Amino acid sequence: MALTIKQRGSPDVMILDLSGRLWILDLPLRDLMNTLLSANQCHFVLNLAGVDYIDSSGLGQLISIWTSIKNRAGQMAILNPTKRVKRLFDITRLDTVFDIFENEDAAIQKARKATA
């Protein structure tokens, strides 16, 4: 299933609801993030509740996006990863890099902290 992305949120924190697969054949997240970062949006919550599969290329995209956001003094929080994706973060130790939340309000607060 192709990755779909829905944007919502306030001007200071953009929430991106993702569903589908984050993998080598699908690059809309990378392209959208480049566009948003170019427009000076730097604070994000990535809702992964609908993402059922991430491959190494998808992990690379997330790391690249996280790095680009940090380089612009922004913040990124991960929201509601599925069990499969959470396990992947645990195995790769990315759970020590990404801020991962089960609660949307907490994720928004974390993403907003960099704006204060």
N, C-alpha and C. Protein backbone atom coordinates (compact mmCIF):
# COMPACT_ATOMS: atom_id res chain seq x y z
N MET A 1 0.84 -1.18 0.00
CA MET A 1 0.00 0.00 0.00
C MET A 1 0.89 1.25 0.00
N ALA A 2 0.63 2.15 -0.90
CA ALA A 2 1.41 3.38 -1.01
C ALA A 2 1.23 4.24 0.25
N LEU A 3 2.25 4.98 0.58
CA LEU A 3 2.21 5.85 1.74
C LEU A 3 1.32 7.06 1.45
N THR A 4 0.38 7.32 2.36
CA THR A 4 -0.43 8.52 2.27
C THR A 4 -0.16 9.38 3.50
N ILE A 5 -0.22 10.68 3.30
CA ILE A 5 0.10 11.63 4.37
C ILE A 5 -0.99 12.68 4.44
N LYS A 6 -1.52 12.87 5.63
CA LYS A 6 -2.49 13.94 5.86
C LYS A 6 -1.89 14.92 6.85
N GLN A 7 -1.98 16.21 6.50
CA GLN A 7 -1.44 17.26 7.36
C GLN A 7 -2.54 17.89 8.19
N ARG A 8 -2.20 18.17 9.45
CA ARG A 8 -3.12 18.91 10.31
C ARG A 8 -2.29 19.56 11.41
N GLY A 9 -2.92 20.40 12.18
CA GLY A 9 -2.22 21.01 13.30
C GLY A 9 -2.25 22.52 13.24
N SER A 10 -1.44 23.09 14.09
CA SER A 10 -1.37 24.54 14.21
C SER A 10 -0.16 25.06 13.45
N PRO A 11 -0.03 26.38 13.34
CA PRO A 11 1.12 26.93 12.63
C PRO A 11 2.47 26.58 13.27
N ASP A 12 2.49 26.38 14.59
CA ASP A 12 3.78 26.11 15.23
C ASP A 12 4.14 24.63 15.29
N VAL A 13 3.18 23.71 15.22
CA VAL A 13 3.46 22.27 15.20
C VAL A 13 2.60 21.62 14.13
N MET A 14 3.25 20.99 13.18
CA MET A 14 2.56 20.30 12.09
C MET A 14 2.46 18.82 12.45
N ILE A 15 1.25 18.28 12.41
CA ILE A 15 1.03 16.86 12.65
C ILE A 15 0.82 16.20 11.29
N LEU A 16 1.59 15.14 11.05
CA LEU A 16 1.48 14.39 9.81
C LEU A 16 0.99 12.99 10.14
N ASP A 17 -0.21 12.65 9.68
CA ASP A 17 -0.78 11.32 9.87
C ASP A 17 -0.37 10.47 8.67
N LEU A 18 0.43 9.45 8.92
CA LEU A 18 0.93 8.59 7.85
C LEU A 18 0.20 7.26 7.88
N SER A 19 -0.05 6.71 6.69
CA SER A 19 -0.59 5.36 6.61
C SER A 19 -0.01 4.69 5.37
N GLY A 20 0.19 3.39 5.49
CA GLY A 20 0.78 2.62 4.40
C GLY A 20 2.18 2.15 4.75
N ARG A 21 3.02 2.07 3.72
CA ARG A 21 4.39 1.58 3.89
C ARG A 21 5.39 2.71 3.70
N LEU A 22 6.36 2.76 4.58
CA LEU A 22 7.46 3.71 4.45
C LEU A 22 8.66 2.89 3.99
N TRP A 23 8.88 2.90 2.67
CA TRP A 23 9.91 2.03 2.10
C TRP A 23 10.55 2.65 0.87
N ILE A 24 11.47 1.93 0.29
CA ILE A 24 12.32 2.45 -0.78
C ILE A 24 11.53 2.92 -2.00
N LEU A 25 10.41 2.33 -2.28
CA LEU A 25 9.65 2.68 -3.48
C LEU A 25 8.73 3.88 -3.28
N ASP A 26 8.67 4.41 -2.08
CA ASP A 26 7.76 5.51 -1.76
C ASP A 26 8.52 6.64 -1.09
N LEU A 27 8.57 7.80 -1.72
CA LEU A 27 9.32 8.92 -1.17
C LEU A 27 8.49 10.17 -0.91
N PRO A 28 7.17 10.09 -0.78
CA PRO A 28 6.40 11.32 -0.58
C PRO A 28 6.71 12.02 0.75
N LEU A 29 7.07 11.25 1.78
CA LEU A 29 7.38 11.87 3.08
C LEU A 29 8.63 12.73 2.96
N ARG A 30 9.65 12.20 2.35
CA ARG A 30 10.89 12.97 2.17
C ARG A 30 10.62 14.25 1.38
N ASP A 31 9.87 14.13 0.29
CA ASP A 31 9.58 15.29 -0.55
C ASP A 31 8.75 16.32 0.20
N LEU A 32 7.73 15.88 0.94
CA LEU A 32 6.89 16.79 1.71
C LEU A 32 7.70 17.49 2.80
N MET A 33 8.55 16.73 3.49
CA MET A 33 9.35 17.33 4.56
C MET A 33 10.31 18.37 4.01
N ASN A 34 10.91 18.11 2.86
CA ASN A 34 11.79 19.10 2.24
C ASN A 34 11.03 20.38 1.92
N THR A 35 9.80 20.23 1.42
CA THR A 35 8.96 21.39 1.12
C THR A 35 8.62 22.16 2.39
N LEU A 36 8.20 21.45 3.43
CA LEU A 36 7.82 22.11 4.68
C LEU A 36 9.02 22.78 5.35
N LEU A 37 10.16 22.13 5.34
CA LEU A 37 11.37 22.73 5.92
C LEU A 37 11.80 23.97 5.14
N SER A 38 11.64 23.93 3.84
CA SER A 38 11.96 25.11 3.01
C SER A 38 11.03 26.28 3.32
N ALA A 39 9.82 25.98 3.80
CA ALA A 39 8.85 27.01 4.17
C ALA A 39 8.99 27.40 5.65
N ASN A 40 10.11 27.01 6.27
CA ASN A 40 10.43 27.34 7.66
C ASN A 40 9.54 26.67 8.70
N GLN A 41 8.88 25.59 8.36
CA GLN A 41 8.17 24.78 9.35
C GLN A 41 9.20 23.82 9.93
N CYS A 42 9.40 23.83 11.25
CA CYS A 42 10.47 23.03 11.85
C CYS A 42 10.04 22.16 13.02
N HIS A 43 8.74 22.12 13.33
CA HIS A 43 8.28 21.38 14.50
C HIS A 43 7.17 20.42 14.07
N PHE A 44 7.43 19.10 14.29
CA PHE A 44 6.58 18.08 13.71
C PHE A 44 6.22 16.97 14.69
N VAL A 45 5.04 16.41 14.49
CA VAL A 45 4.64 15.16 15.10
C VAL A 45 4.31 14.22 13.94
N LEU A 46 5.00 13.08 13.89
CA LEU A 46 4.72 12.08 12.86
C LEU A 46 3.89 10.97 13.50
N ASN A 47 2.62 10.90 13.11
CA ASN A 47 1.72 9.89 13.63
C ASN A 47 1.86 8.63 12.77
N LEU A 48 2.47 7.59 13.34
CA LEU A 48 2.75 6.37 12.59
C LEU A 48 1.73 5.26 12.86
N ALA A 49 0.58 5.60 13.42
CA ALA A 49 -0.43 4.59 13.77
C ALA A 49 -0.87 3.78 12.56
N GLY A 50 -0.85 4.37 11.37
CA GLY A 50 -1.28 3.67 10.17
C GLY A 50 -0.15 3.09 9.34
N VAL A 51 1.08 3.16 9.84
CA VAL A 51 2.23 2.63 9.10
C VAL A 51 2.47 1.18 9.53
N ASP A 52 2.27 0.26 8.59
CA ASP A 52 2.41 -1.15 8.93
C ASP A 52 3.76 -1.75 8.57
N TYR A 53 4.58 -0.99 7.84
CA TYR A 53 5.86 -1.54 7.40
C TYR A 53 6.85 -0.42 7.15
N ILE A 54 8.07 -0.60 7.65
CA ILE A 54 9.18 0.31 7.37
C ILE A 54 10.39 -0.55 7.04
N ASP A 55 11.04 -0.27 5.90
CA ASP A 55 12.27 -0.98 5.56
C ASP A 55 13.48 -0.09 5.89
N SER A 56 14.67 -0.54 5.54
CA SER A 56 15.88 0.21 5.88
C SER A 56 15.90 1.58 5.21
N SER A 57 15.35 1.67 4.00
CA SER A 57 15.26 2.96 3.33
C SER A 57 14.31 3.90 4.07
N GLY A 58 13.21 3.35 4.57
CA GLY A 58 12.27 4.14 5.36
C GLY A 58 12.90 4.64 6.65
N LEU A 59 13.68 3.78 7.31
CA LEU A 59 14.41 4.21 8.51
C LEU A 59 15.39 5.31 8.16
N GLY A 60 16.05 5.15 7.02
CA GLY A 60 16.99 6.18 6.56
C GLY A 60 16.30 7.50 6.32
N GLN A 61 15.09 7.46 5.76
CA GLN A 61 14.32 8.68 5.55
C GLN A 61 14.02 9.36 6.88
N LEU A 62 13.58 8.57 7.87
CA LEU A 62 13.26 9.14 9.18
C LEU A 62 14.48 9.77 9.84
N ILE A 63 15.62 9.09 9.73
CA ILE A 63 16.86 9.64 10.32
C ILE A 63 17.27 10.91 9.60
N SER A 64 17.18 10.91 8.29
CA SER A 64 17.52 12.10 7.50
C SER A 64 16.60 13.27 7.83
N ILE A 65 15.32 12.99 7.95
CA ILE A 65 14.34 14.03 8.30
C ILE A 65 14.63 14.57 9.69
N TRP A 66 14.87 13.67 10.65
CA TRP A 66 15.19 14.07 12.03
C TRP A 66 16.42 14.98 12.06
N THR A 67 17.45 14.60 11.29
CA THR A 67 18.69 15.39 11.23
C THR A 67 18.42 16.77 10.63
N SER A 68 17.66 16.81 9.55
CA SER A 68 17.34 18.10 8.91
C SER A 68 16.57 19.01 9.85
N ILE A 69 15.63 18.44 10.60
CA ILE A 69 14.85 19.23 11.57
C ILE A 69 15.75 19.74 12.68
N LYS A 70 16.61 18.88 13.23
CA LYS A 70 17.53 19.30 14.30
C LYS A 70 18.48 20.39 13.81
N ASN A 71 18.94 20.29 12.56
CA ASN A 71 19.85 21.31 12.02
C ASN A 71 19.20 22.67 11.89
N ARG A 72 17.87 22.70 11.90
CA ARG A 72 17.13 23.96 11.84
C ARG A 72 16.56 24.35 13.21
N ALA A 73 17.12 23.74 14.26
CA ALA A 73 16.70 23.99 15.65
C ALA A 73 15.24 23.63 15.87
N GLY A 74 14.76 22.63 15.14
CA GLY A 74 13.38 22.18 15.29
C GLY A 74 13.28 20.94 16.15
N GLN A 75 12.10 20.37 16.16
CA GLN A 75 11.83 19.20 16.99
C GLN A 75 10.89 18.26 16.26
N MET A 76 11.11 16.95 16.42
CA MET A 76 10.24 15.94 15.83
C MET A 76 9.88 14.92 16.90
N ALA A 77 8.60 14.60 16.99
CA ALA A 77 8.14 13.55 17.90
C ALA A 77 7.42 12.48 17.07
N ILE A 78 7.58 11.24 17.49
CA ILE A 78 6.91 10.11 16.85
C ILE A 78 5.70 9.76 17.71
N LEU A 79 4.55 9.57 17.07
CA LEU A 79 3.31 9.27 17.78
C LEU A 79 2.76 7.92 17.34
N ASN A 80 2.35 7.12 18.30
CA ASN A 80 1.61 5.88 18.09
C ASN A 80 2.20 4.91 17.07
N PRO A 81 3.48 4.56 17.18
CA PRO A 81 3.97 3.54 16.24
C PRO A 81 3.28 2.20 16.52
N THR A 82 3.03 1.45 15.47
CA THR A 82 2.43 0.12 15.64
C THR A 82 3.43 -0.77 16.38
N LYS A 83 2.97 -1.91 16.85
CA LYS A 83 3.86 -2.84 17.57
C LYS A 83 5.05 -3.23 16.71
N ARG A 84 4.77 -3.48 15.45
CA ARG A 84 5.84 -3.89 14.52
C ARG A 84 6.88 -2.78 14.36
N VAL A 85 6.41 -1.55 14.18
CA VAL A 85 7.33 -0.42 14.00
C VAL A 85 8.06 -0.12 15.31
N LYS A 86 7.36 -0.19 16.42
CA LYS A 86 8.00 0.03 17.73
C LYS A 86 9.11 -0.98 17.96
N ARG A 87 8.85 -2.23 17.60
CA ARG A 87 9.88 -3.26 17.75
C ARG A 87 11.08 -2.96 16.85
N LEU A 88 10.84 -2.48 15.66
CA LEU A 88 11.93 -2.10 14.76
C LEU A 88 12.77 -0.97 15.37
N PHE A 89 12.10 0.02 15.97
CA PHE A 89 12.84 1.10 16.65
C PHE A 89 13.66 0.55 17.82
N ASP A 90 13.09 -0.42 18.54
CA ASP A 90 13.81 -1.03 19.66
C ASP A 90 15.05 -1.78 19.17
N ILE A 91 14.88 -2.60 18.15
CA ILE A 91 15.98 -3.42 17.61
C ILE A 91 17.11 -2.54 17.08
N THR A 92 16.75 -1.47 16.39
CA THR A 92 17.76 -0.58 15.79
C THR A 92 18.26 0.48 16.76
N ARG A 93 17.70 0.50 17.97
CA ARG A 93 18.03 1.46 19.03
C ARG A 93 17.63 2.89 18.67
N LEU A 94 16.78 3.04 17.66
CA LEU A 94 16.28 4.37 17.33
C LEU A 94 15.31 4.89 18.38
N ASP A 95 14.85 3.99 19.25
CA ASP A 95 14.01 4.44 20.36
C ASP A 95 14.79 5.31 21.33
N THR A 96 16.12 5.29 21.24
CA THR A 96 16.95 6.17 22.07
C THR A 96 17.23 7.50 21.38
N VAL A 97 16.91 7.58 20.10
CA VAL A 97 17.13 8.79 19.32
C VAL A 97 15.83 9.58 19.18
N PHE A 98 14.78 8.90 18.77
CA PHE A 98 13.48 9.55 18.56
C PHE A 98 12.72 9.67 19.87
N ASP A 99 11.96 10.75 20.00
CA ASP A 99 11.03 10.91 21.11
C ASP A 99 9.73 10.24 20.68
N ILE A 100 9.35 9.16 21.36
CA ILE A 100 8.20 8.35 20.96
C ILE A 100 7.11 8.47 22.02
N PHE A 101 5.87 8.75 21.56
CA PHE A 101 4.75 8.98 22.46
C PHE A 101 3.54 8.16 22.04
N GLU A 102 2.72 7.83 23.02
CA GLU A 102 1.43 7.19 22.80
C GLU A 102 0.30 8.22 22.90
N ASN A 103 0.60 9.38 23.44
CA ASN A 103 -0.39 10.43 23.70
C ASN A 103 -0.11 11.62 22.80
N GLU A 104 -1.11 12.04 22.01
CA GLU A 104 -0.91 13.13 21.05
C GLU A 104 -0.57 14.45 21.73
N ASP A 105 -1.22 14.77 22.83
CA ASP A 105 -0.94 16.02 23.53
C ASP A 105 0.51 16.08 24.01
N ALA A 106 1.00 14.98 24.54
CA ALA A 106 2.39 14.92 25.00
C ALA A 106 3.37 15.08 23.83
N ALA A 107 3.04 14.47 22.70
CA ALA A 107 3.89 14.59 21.50
C ALA A 107 3.92 16.03 21.00
N ILE A 108 2.76 16.68 21.00
CA ILE A 108 2.68 18.08 20.57
C ILE A 108 3.49 18.96 21.51
N GLN A 109 3.38 18.72 22.81
CA GLN A 109 4.14 19.52 23.80
C GLN A 109 5.64 19.37 23.56
N LYS A 110 6.09 18.14 23.29
CA LYS A 110 7.51 17.90 23.03
C LYS A 110 7.95 18.64 21.77
N ALA A 111 7.14 18.55 20.71
CA ALA A 111 7.49 19.24 19.46
C ALA A 111 7.48 20.75 19.65
N ARG A 112 6.63 21.24 20.50
CA ARG A 112 6.49 22.67 20.75
C ARG A 112 7.61 23.21 21.63
N LYS A 113 8.23 22.38 22.46
CA LYS A 113 9.27 22.83 23.40
C LYS A 113 10.38 23.59 22.74
N ALA A 114 10.76 23.18 21.55
CA ALA A 114 11.84 23.85 20.86
C ALA A 114 11.45 25.27 20.42
N THR A 115 10.14 25.55 20.38
CA THR A 115 9.70 26.88 19.95
C THR A 115 9.72 27.88 21.09
N ALA A 116 9.77 27.39 22.33
CA ALA A 116 9.70 28.29 23.48
C ALA A 116 11.01 29.00 23.73
